[in-house]
């Protein structure tokens, strides 16, 4: 968009949104039709000339967020009022997470995202980002493109001047040898190296018990049995955790194509976006790992987390 078009869009948007001019008044003022006024206002929103934030009266729960951050030993928590349905809850979490992500990212940063319905919702809610790199933190899971990490970064790159880096591989390859082959592919190898440069990683949290995760079918019976014996409680990016936050390494780990636990720990900021009281044990386990610095959740999950023993992170892992 050239400078003249930007000035036109900003002038019309300012008169309409800030000065309450009607579309008819704008049509007369700019000597164009009301229909073109409507198209220009729509273009102003699509191009990022206009951004709109909605602040619900019941969001966020700042008092609960401070208490939860202290309880979990995290630098920051954001707590929103839980939605009436799963989709509504994911949308509320996404609306809370998106502006914080946008405020964190600077020119040249690397932003990594995992996958899932909540992450797709974040992709839809994110305002335009500064020139940066947006990268998948995992290979793909299943055949549902609506939840694919490729879809997450596609939605973001469609509205921002960002470099989108995809990882065209499964999260779990068919065998260790297949995983090694994927990792040796030059484009995938280059993407995996970028994980060392993460400024912010945004992850979803899966629960193993109750089973609120889509990874079960990707594992063999033996691998699932191994995880059960090891006391699996949670997963992020295909990384499995015990209740105490320790990482479980099994044969499945060697088939995994994703960011590693150590790479996440070295990242200056890792934000988990996860809600529902049923996931409380899983969220608590991941918070004990020392990987997270920030959690965006809902008030039902927060209340359940506060009923669990407090988390004290080792000083060496505090951010």
Protein backbone atom coordinates (compact mmCIF):
# COMPACT_ATOMS: atom_id res chain seq x y z
CA UNK A 1 0.00 0.00 0.00
CA UNK A 2 1.44 3.41 -0.95
CA UNK A 3 1.51 6.45 1.31
CA UNK A 4 -1.45 8.16 -0.37
CA UNK A 5 -3.69 5.11 0.09
CA UNK A 6 -2.63 4.78 3.73
CA UNK A 7 -3.48 8.47 4.36
CA UNK A 8 -6.90 8.02 2.74
CA UNK A 9 -7.70 4.95 4.83
CA UNK A 10 -6.51 6.56 8.06
CA UNK A 11 -8.45 9.79 7.38
CA UNK A 12 -11.71 7.99 6.70
CA UNK A 13 -11.19 5.60 9.62
CA UNK A 14 -10.43 8.48 12.02
CA UNK A 15 -13.59 10.36 11.00
CA UNK A 16 -15.74 7.22 11.27
CA UNK A 17 -14.39 5.54 14.42
CA UNK A 18 -13.17 8.51 16.48
CA UNK A 19 -15.34 11.40 15.31
CA UNK A 20 -18.61 9.48 14.72
CA UNK A 21 -19.06 10.66 11.12
CA UNK A 22 -21.65 8.61 9.25
CA UNK A 23 -20.91 6.80 6.01
CA UNK A 24 -23.20 9.22 4.19
CA UNK A 25 -21.27 12.19 5.60
CA UNK A 26 -17.98 10.60 4.59
CA UNK A 27 -19.26 9.92 1.08
CA UNK A 28 -20.09 13.62 0.66
CA UNK A 29 -16.86 14.77 2.29
CA UNK A 30 -14.58 12.58 0.13
CA UNK A 31 -16.75 12.70 -3.01
CA UNK A 32 -17.16 8.93 -3.19
CA UNK A 33 -20.09 6.53 -2.84
CA UNK A 34 -21.29 5.13 0.51
CA UNK A 35 -20.43 1.68 -0.82
CA UNK A 36 -16.81 2.70 -1.42
CA UNK A 37 -16.68 4.20 2.09
CA UNK A 38 -17.74 0.81 3.46
CA UNK A 39 -15.10 -0.98 1.38
CA UNK A 40 -12.38 1.42 2.50
CA UNK A 41 -13.32 0.98 6.17
CA UNK A 42 -13.14 -2.79 5.72
CA UNK A 43 -9.76 -2.44 3.98
CA UNK A 44 -8.51 -0.26 6.84
CA UNK A 45 -9.21 -3.09 9.28
CA UNK A 46 -7.75 -5.78 7.02
CA UNK A 47 -4.55 -3.80 6.41
CA UNK A 48 -4.02 -2.96 10.08
CA UNK A 49 -4.73 0.77 9.76
CA UNK A 50 -7.51 0.16 12.29
CA UNK A 51 -7.33 -2.37 15.12
CA UNK A 52 -10.20 -2.97 17.52
CA UNK A 53 -9.96 -4.34 21.04
CA UNK A 54 -13.00 -5.39 23.06
CA UNK A 55 -12.63 -5.21 26.83
CA UNK A 56 -15.34 -7.31 28.46
CA UNK A 57 -16.27 -6.11 31.92
CA UNK A 58 -15.58 -9.53 33.42
CA UNK A 59 -12.11 -9.89 31.86
CA UNK A 60 -9.40 -10.22 33.00
CA UNK A 61 -9.44 -11.47 36.60
CA UNK A 62 -6.39 -9.53 37.76
CA UNK A 63 -6.72 -10.40 41.45
CA UNK A 64 -6.88 -14.10 40.71
CA UNK A 65 -4.03 -13.81 38.19
CA UNK A 66 -1.61 -12.37 40.76
CA UNK A 67 -2.47 -15.09 43.27
CA UNK A 68 -2.10 -17.82 40.65
CA UNK A 69 1.27 -16.55 39.41
CA UNK A 70 2.59 -16.61 42.97
CA UNK A 71 1.13 -20.09 43.54
CA UNK A 72 2.70 -21.52 40.38
CA UNK A 73 5.98 -19.66 40.64
CA UNK A 74 5.52 -17.98 37.24
CA UNK A 75 6.45 -14.48 36.15
CA UNK A 76 2.92 -13.76 34.94
CA UNK A 77 -0.54 -15.29 34.78
CA UNK A 78 -3.57 -13.99 32.92
CA UNK A 79 -6.97 -15.26 34.04
CA UNK A 80 -10.18 -14.74 32.07
CA UNK A 81 -13.74 -15.66 32.92
CA UNK A 82 -14.45 -19.12 31.53
CA UNK A 83 -16.69 -19.36 28.49
CA UNK A 84 -19.98 -21.21 28.29
CA UNK A 85 -18.67 -23.72 25.74
CA UNK A 86 -15.30 -25.12 24.75
CA UNK A 87 -15.17 -22.93 21.63
CA UNK A 88 -16.17 -19.86 23.63
CA UNK A 89 -13.50 -20.63 26.22
CA UNK A 90 -10.79 -21.03 23.56
CA UNK A 91 -11.84 -17.73 21.98
CA UNK A 92 -11.62 -15.93 25.33
CA UNK A 93 -8.17 -17.36 25.97
CA UNK A 94 -7.05 -16.37 22.48
CA UNK A 95 -8.33 -12.80 22.91
CA UNK A 96 -6.35 -12.50 26.14
CA UNK A 97 -3.16 -14.06 24.76
CA UNK A 98 -3.02 -12.31 21.36
CA UNK A 99 -2.33 -8.72 22.50
CA UNK A 100 0.31 -9.91 24.97
CA UNK A 101 2.08 -11.79 22.20
CA UNK A 102 1.94 -8.73 19.96
CA UNK A 103 3.36 -6.49 22.69
CA UNK A 104 6.22 -8.92 23.33
CA UNK A 105 7.45 -9.34 19.75
CA UNK A 106 9.94 -6.84 18.32
CA UNK A 107 11.51 -6.40 14.89
CA UNK A 108 13.66 -9.40 14.01
CA UNK A 109 12.35 -11.65 16.79
CA UNK A 110 11.50 -15.33 16.33
CA UNK A 111 8.02 -16.33 17.52
CA UNK A 112 7.31 -20.06 17.81
CA UNK A 113 3.89 -21.68 18.12
CA UNK A 114 2.70 -25.23 18.63
CA UNK A 115 -0.67 -26.47 17.37
CA UNK A 116 -4.30 -27.07 18.36
CA UNK A 117 -7.62 -25.29 18.33
CA UNK A 118 -6.60 -22.67 20.89
CA UNK A 119 -3.49 -21.79 18.89
CA UNK A 120 -5.55 -21.49 15.70
CA UNK A 121 -7.86 -19.09 17.56
CA UNK A 122 -4.82 -17.05 18.62
CA UNK A 123 -3.75 -16.87 14.99
CA UNK A 124 -7.14 -15.36 14.15
CA UNK A 125 -6.98 -12.82 16.98
CA UNK A 126 -3.39 -11.60 16.61
CA UNK A 127 -3.06 -8.01 15.39
CA UNK A 128 -0.44 -7.31 12.70
CA UNK A 129 3.06 -8.07 13.97
CA UNK A 130 6.29 -6.18 13.26
CA UNK A 131 8.72 -7.76 10.77
CA UNK A 132 9.71 -10.99 12.49
CA UNK A 133 9.87 -14.76 11.98
CA UNK A 134 6.93 -17.00 12.89
CA UNK A 135 7.87 -20.67 13.10
CA UNK A 136 6.23 -24.01 13.82
CA UNK A 137 7.48 -25.63 17.00
CA UNK A 138 6.26 -29.09 16.03
CA UNK A 139 5.59 -31.24 13.03
CA UNK A 140 1.96 -31.74 12.04
CA UNK A 141 -0.58 -33.90 13.86
CA UNK A 142 -3.24 -35.82 11.98
CA UNK A 143 -5.02 -34.64 8.86
CA UNK A 144 -7.20 -31.86 10.29
CA UNK A 145 -5.73 -28.75 8.68
CA UNK A 146 -7.89 -26.54 10.92
CA UNK A 147 -5.67 -27.44 13.90
CA UNK A 148 -2.38 -27.75 12.02
CA UNK A 149 0.61 -25.61 13.02
CA UNK A 150 0.90 -24.80 9.31
CA UNK A 151 -2.58 -23.28 9.49
CA UNK A 152 -1.64 -21.29 12.61
CA UNK A 153 1.33 -19.58 10.97
CA UNK A 154 -0.55 -19.20 7.66
CA UNK A 155 -3.24 -17.13 9.38
CA UNK A 156 -0.64 -14.94 11.06
CA UNK A 157 1.51 -14.42 7.98
CA UNK A 158 -1.56 -13.48 5.93
CA UNK A 159 -2.00 -10.31 7.99
CA UNK A 160 1.58 -9.35 8.88
CA UNK A 161 4.92 -8.70 7.21
CA UNK A 162 6.53 -11.77 8.71
CA UNK A 163 8.69 -14.63 7.53
CA UNK A 164 6.69 -17.83 8.01
CA UNK A 165 8.78 -20.97 8.57
CA UNK A 166 6.91 -24.26 8.25
CA UNK A 167 8.10 -27.72 9.29
CA UNK A 168 6.74 -30.13 6.70
CA UNK A 169 7.07 -33.28 8.74
CA UNK A 170 4.88 -35.22 11.18
CA UNK A 171 5.19 -34.60 14.91
CA UNK A 172 5.95 -38.30 15.34
CA UNK A 173 7.67 -40.01 12.41
CA UNK A 174 6.94 -43.68 11.72
CA UNK A 175 10.32 -44.78 13.14
CA UNK A 176 13.54 -43.40 14.59
CA UNK A 177 15.15 -43.80 11.20
CA UNK A 178 12.36 -41.90 9.49
CA UNK A 179 12.69 -39.13 12.08
CA UNK A 180 16.43 -38.89 11.38
CA UNK A 181 15.67 -38.64 7.66
CA UNK A 182 13.21 -35.79 8.21
CA UNK A 183 15.63 -33.96 10.50
CA UNK A 184 18.42 -34.23 7.90
CA UNK A 185 16.31 -32.57 5.21
CA UNK A 186 17.98 -29.16 4.64
CA UNK A 187 14.79 -27.11 5.03
CA UNK A 188 13.71 -28.93 8.19
CA UNK A 189 17.23 -28.87 9.61
CA UNK A 190 17.37 -25.10 9.06
CA UNK A 191 14.00 -24.65 10.76
CA UNK A 192 15.02 -26.73 13.79
CA UNK A 193 18.15 -24.59 14.20
CA UNK A 194 15.95 -21.49 14.47
CA UNK A 195 14.53 -22.83 17.74
CA UNK A 196 17.72 -21.63 19.42
CA UNK A 197 16.72 -18.06 18.52
CA UNK A 198 13.23 -18.03 20.02
CA UNK A 199 12.16 -14.78 21.67
CA UNK A 200 8.76 -16.20 22.59
CA UNK A 201 7.29 -19.70 22.41
CA UNK A 202 3.51 -20.13 22.68
CA UNK A 203 2.37 -23.63 23.60
CA UNK A 204 -0.83 -25.53 24.25
CA UNK A 205 -1.05 -28.05 27.10
CA UNK A 206 -2.44 -31.55 26.67
CA UNK A 207 -3.74 -33.64 29.58
CA UNK A 208 -3.08 -37.37 29.75
CA UNK A 209 -5.47 -38.13 32.63
CA UNK A 210 -8.18 -37.20 31.92
CA UNK A 211 -7.28 -37.70 28.26
CA UNK A 212 -7.55 -34.25 26.70
CA UNK A 213 -4.94 -34.72 24.00
CA UNK A 214 -4.85 -35.95 20.43
CA UNK A 215 -1.47 -37.64 20.70
CA UNK A 216 -2.65 -41.04 21.99
CA UNK A 217 -3.39 -42.50 18.54
CA UNK A 218 0.06 -41.41 17.30
CA UNK A 219 1.84 -43.72 19.74
CA UNK A 220 2.23 -47.47 19.74
CA UNK A 221 0.66 -49.62 22.46
CA UNK A 222 4.11 -50.19 23.91
CA UNK A 223 4.90 -46.47 23.96
CA UNK A 224 1.61 -45.66 25.68
CA UNK A 225 2.29 -48.39 28.24
CA UNK A 226 5.80 -46.98 28.83
CA UNK A 227 4.35 -43.52 29.42
CA UNK A 228 1.76 -44.89 31.83
CA UNK A 229 4.48 -46.70 33.81
CA UNK A 230 6.47 -43.48 33.95
CA UNK A 231 3.48 -41.59 35.38
CA UNK A 232 2.66 -39.33 32.42
CA UNK A 233 0.36 -36.43 33.28
CA UNK A 234 0.84 -33.78 30.60
CA UNK A 235 2.36 -32.94 27.23
CA UNK A 236 3.38 -29.87 25.27
CA UNK A 237 4.78 -30.04 21.73
CA UNK A 238 4.91 -33.83 22.01
CA UNK A 239 7.05 -33.60 25.17
CA UNK A 240 5.67 -35.67 28.06
CA UNK A 241 5.80 -34.73 31.76
CA UNK A 242 5.36 -36.44 35.12
CA UNK A 243 3.38 -34.75 37.90
CA UNK A 244 6.60 -33.32 39.37
CA UNK A 245 7.43 -31.60 36.07
CA UNK A 246 10.24 -33.94 35.04
CA UNK A 247 10.41 -34.87 31.36
CA UNK A 248 9.76 -38.48 30.32
CA UNK A 249 12.10 -39.82 27.65
CA UNK A 250 10.84 -42.94 25.86
CA UNK A 251 11.11 -44.50 22.41
CA UNK A 252 8.42 -42.04 21.28
CA UNK A 253 10.77 -39.15 22.12
CA UNK A 254 13.23 -40.40 19.52
CA UNK A 255 10.51 -40.27 16.86
CA UNK A 256 9.48 -36.72 17.80
CA UNK A 257 10.16 -33.79 15.48
CA UNK A 258 9.68 -30.67 17.56
CA UNK A 259 11.34 -28.13 19.80
CA UNK A 260 13.22 -29.80 22.67
CA UNK A 261 12.73 -29.23 26.42
CA UNK A 262 16.19 -27.65 26.68
CA UNK A 263 15.45 -25.25 23.80
CA UNK A 264 12.26 -24.16 25.55
CA UNK A 265 14.13 -23.66 28.83
CA UNK A 266 16.66 -21.47 27.04
CA UNK A 267 13.91 -19.33 25.51
CA UNK A 268 13.53 -16.00 27.31
CA UNK A 269 9.73 -16.37 27.43
CA UNK A 270 7.41 -19.38 27.12
CA UNK A 271 3.67 -18.77 27.29
CA UNK A 272 1.20 -21.61 27.83
CA UNK A 273 -2.41 -20.99 26.78
CA UNK A 274 -4.69 -23.60 28.33
CA UNK A 275 -7.97 -23.67 30.20
CA UNK A 276 -10.64 -25.88 31.83
CA UNK A 277 -10.54 -27.32 35.34
CA UNK A 278 -10.00 -30.81 33.89
CA UNK A 279 -6.52 -29.72 32.73
CA UNK A 280 -5.43 -28.41 36.14
CA UNK A 281 -3.13 -31.35 36.95
CA UNK A 282 -1.52 -31.14 33.51
CA UNK A 283 -1.00 -27.37 33.72
CA UNK A 284 0.48 -27.74 37.21
CA UNK A 285 2.89 -30.44 35.99
CA UNK A 286 4.15 -28.26 33.15
CA UNK A 287 4.52 -25.27 35.49
CA UNK A 288 6.75 -27.42 37.73
CA UNK A 289 9.06 -28.19 34.79
CA UNK A 290 10.73 -24.77 34.86
CA UNK A 291 9.85 -24.28 31.19
CA UNK A 292 6.96 -21.82 31.53
CA UNK A 293 7.23 -18.12 32.33
CA UNK A 294 3.62 -17.16 31.59
CA UNK A 295 0.19 -18.85 31.69
CA UNK A 296 -3.06 -17.66 30.11
CA UNK A 297 -5.98 -19.61 31.57
CA UNK A 298 -9.59 -19.33 32.74
CA UNK A 299 -10.97 -18.82 36.24
CA UNK A 300 -12.23 -22.40 36.58
CA UNK A 301 -8.79 -23.80 35.84
CA UNK A 302 -7.25 -21.17 38.13
CA UNK A 303 -9.49 -22.18 41.03
CA UNK A 304 -8.59 -25.86 40.50
CA UNK A 305 -4.88 -25.01 40.33
CA UNK A 306 -5.05 -23.04 43.56
CA UNK A 307 -6.41 -26.13 45.32
CA UNK A 308 -3.24 -28.03 44.38
CA UNK A 309 0.04 -27.71 46.31
CA UNK A 310 2.01 -24.56 45.37
CA UNK A 311 4.86 -24.83 42.91
CA UNK A 312 8.35 -23.68 43.84
CA UNK A 313 10.66 -23.49 40.84
CA UNK A 314 14.38 -24.03 41.38
CA UNK A 315 16.21 -20.72 41.42
CA UNK A 316 18.31 -21.82 38.43
CA UNK A 317 15.16 -22.08 36.33
CA UNK A 318 13.50 -18.82 37.34
CA UNK A 319 13.15 -16.14 34.68
